[in-house]
Amino acid sequence: MTTKEWLMRAWRIDKEITALIIARDETRNRCLSVTVPPDGDRVQCSADHDANLVQLASLEQEIDKRVDELCAIKLEILTAVSEVSDSTLRTLLIERYISFKTWEQIAVDMSYSYVHIVHNLHPMALKLVEATVNSI
């Protein structure tokens, strides 16, 4: 695994969490939707409703598990990044791999050109953090 791949682990888990949250919200909406029969009879819970509740609980547990994993990975990344002595490069790494900002956002926030961030600073930062990553 390259240094960049190691740093990108948090980004991938964050995307998975986002997808799980969307699935959870859709399931919650199914659980909360109520339809009234056209003949005015009472409303009953169906087996589908119970299955949706089980799925909702399962999704909640998976989200919690993935969030815990994301926190642990972010801590690993922060530990490695904190070994980088240059504050500009540390900031770049944190903005990208902890805050998940785009290169364009980072360039604006740090007042550098996109090209300088991507072609100069980022490769330098990866080289400096590589030794720490390889020792973990």
Protein backbone atom coordinates (compact mmCIF):
# COMPACT_ATOMS: atom_id res chain seq x y z
CA MET A 1 0.00 0.00 0.00
CA THR A 2 1.39 3.38 -0.99
CA THR A 3 1.48 6.32 1.40
CA LYS A 4 -1.28 8.01 -0.55
CA GLU A 5 -3.47 4.88 -0.38
CA TRP A 6 -2.81 4.64 3.36
CA LEU A 7 -3.89 8.26 3.81
CA MET A 8 -6.98 7.79 1.60
CA ARG A 9 -8.46 5.08 3.87
CA ALA A 10 -10.39 7.66 5.89
CA TRP A 11 -11.81 9.23 2.73
CA ARG A 12 -13.12 5.85 1.54
CA ILE A 13 -14.73 5.05 4.89
CA ASP A 14 -16.31 8.51 4.99
CA LYS A 15 -17.91 7.82 1.58
CA GLU A 16 -19.21 4.46 2.85
CA ILE A 17 -20.71 6.15 5.91
CA THR A 18 -22.44 8.69 3.67
CA ALA A 19 -23.94 5.86 1.59
CA LEU A 20 -25.07 4.04 4.75
CA ILE A 21 -26.70 7.22 6.07
CA ILE A 22 -28.63 7.61 2.82
CA ALA A 23 -29.78 3.98 3.03
CA ARG A 24 -30.75 4.48 6.68
CA ASP A 25 -32.77 7.60 5.86
CA GLU A 26 -34.60 5.81 3.06
CA THR A 27 -35.38 2.89 5.37
CA ARG A 28 -36.54 5.29 8.11
CA ASN A 29 -38.85 6.98 5.61
CA ARG A 30 -40.35 3.61 4.69
CA CYS A 31 -40.88 2.86 8.39
CA LEU A 32 -42.59 6.18 8.99
CA SER A 33 -44.82 6.17 5.94
CA VAL A 34 -48.38 5.19 6.68
CA THR A 35 -51.05 4.41 4.15
CA VAL A 36 -54.71 4.26 4.94
CA PRO A 37 -56.71 1.52 3.28
CA PRO A 38 -59.30 2.89 0.85
CA ASP A 39 -62.20 1.30 2.75
CA GLY A 40 -61.35 3.22 5.93
CA ASP A 41 -60.48 0.14 8.00
CA ARG A 42 -57.83 0.34 10.70
CA VAL A 43 -54.15 0.49 9.81
CA GLN A 44 -52.02 -2.54 10.62
CA CYS A 45 -48.29 -3.09 10.66
CA SER A 46 -47.15 -5.46 7.98
CA ALA A 47 -44.27 -7.90 7.89
CA ASP A 48 -42.53 -5.42 5.57
CA HIS A 49 -42.73 -2.80 8.30
CA ASP A 50 -41.12 -5.15 10.83
CA ALA A 51 -38.41 -6.06 8.32
CA ASN A 52 -37.75 -2.38 7.69
CA LEU A 53 -37.37 -1.79 11.44
CA VAL A 54 -34.84 -4.63 11.66
CA GLN A 55 -32.98 -3.22 8.65
CA LEU A 56 -33.02 0.24 10.21
CA ALA A 57 -31.49 -1.06 13.44
CA SER A 58 -28.86 -2.96 11.45
CA LEU A 59 -27.96 0.12 9.43
CA GLU A 60 -27.65 2.20 12.61
CA GLN A 61 -25.25 -0.38 14.09
CA GLU A 62 -23.17 -0.47 10.91
CA ILE A 63 -22.96 3.32 10.79
CA ASP A 64 -21.81 3.41 14.42
CA LYS A 65 -19.18 0.76 13.70
CA ARG A 66 -17.90 2.58 10.63
CA VAL A 67 -17.79 5.94 12.45
CA ASP A 68 -15.68 4.35 15.20
CA GLU A 69 -13.38 2.93 12.53
CA LEU A 70 -13.16 6.33 10.82
CA CYS A 71 -12.18 8.00 14.11
CA ALA A 72 -9.46 5.42 14.72
CA ILE A 73 -8.05 5.83 11.21
CA LYS A 74 -8.13 9.63 11.44
CA LEU A 75 -6.17 9.37 14.68
CA GLU A 76 -3.56 7.17 12.96
CA ILE A 77 -3.31 9.67 10.12
CA LEU A 78 -3.02 12.63 12.49
CA THR A 79 -0.29 10.82 14.41
CA ALA A 80 1.68 10.29 11.20
CA VAL A 81 1.05 13.81 9.93
CA SER A 82 2.15 15.35 13.24
CA GLU A 83 5.65 13.97 12.53
CA VAL A 84 5.96 16.29 9.51
CA SER A 85 8.00 19.26 10.67
CA ASP A 86 6.81 21.78 8.07
CA SER A 87 3.55 23.40 9.17
CA THR A 88 2.47 24.19 5.60
CA LEU A 89 2.79 20.56 4.58
CA ARG A 90 1.05 19.42 7.77
CA THR A 91 -1.82 21.79 7.04
CA LEU A 92 -2.08 20.50 3.47
CA LEU A 93 -2.20 16.88 4.67
CA ILE A 94 -4.81 17.62 7.32
CA GLU A 95 -6.99 19.61 4.90
CA ARG A 96 -6.90 16.80 2.34
CA TYR A 97 -6.90 13.59 4.37
CA ILE A 98 -8.75 14.62 7.53
CA SER A 99 -11.09 17.38 6.33
CA PHE A 100 -11.52 15.82 2.85
CA LYS A 101 -11.23 19.12 1.01
CA THR A 102 -10.67 19.29 -2.73
CA TRP A 103 -7.36 20.48 -4.12
CA GLU A 104 -9.09 23.63 -5.32
CA GLN A 105 -10.42 24.37 -1.82
CA ILE A 106 -7.02 23.73 -0.29
CA ALA A 107 -5.29 26.02 -2.80
CA VAL A 108 -7.72 28.84 -2.02
CA ASP A 109 -7.54 28.30 1.76
CA MET A 110 -3.75 28.21 1.75
CA SER A 111 -3.33 31.00 -0.82
CA TYR A 112 -1.32 28.90 -3.25
CA SER A 113 -1.99 27.98 -6.85
CA TYR A 114 -3.65 24.66 -7.60
CA VAL A 115 -0.59 23.61 -9.62
CA HIS A 116 1.81 24.43 -6.79
CA ILE A 117 -0.30 22.47 -4.28
CA VAL A 118 -0.73 19.39 -6.48
CA HIS A 119 2.66 19.24 -8.22
CA ASN A 120 5.03 20.59 -5.57
CA LEU A 121 3.69 20.67 -2.02
CA HIS A 122 1.68 17.44 -2.03
CA PRO A 123 4.52 15.24 -3.35
CA MET A 124 6.86 16.78 -0.75
CA ALA A 125 4.33 16.14 2.00
CA LEU A 126 3.86 12.52 0.90
CA LYS A 127 7.62 11.92 0.98
CA LEU A 128 7.91 13.34 4.48
CA VAL A 129 5.04 11.29 5.86
CA GLU A 130 6.12 8.10 4.05
CA ALA A 131 8.76 7.13 6.61
CA THR A 132 6.27 7.44 9.43
CA VAL A 133 3.63 5.43 7.56
CA ASN A 134 6.08 2.65 6.77
CA SER A 135 6.98 2.33 10.44
CA ILE A 136 3.32 1.93 11.51
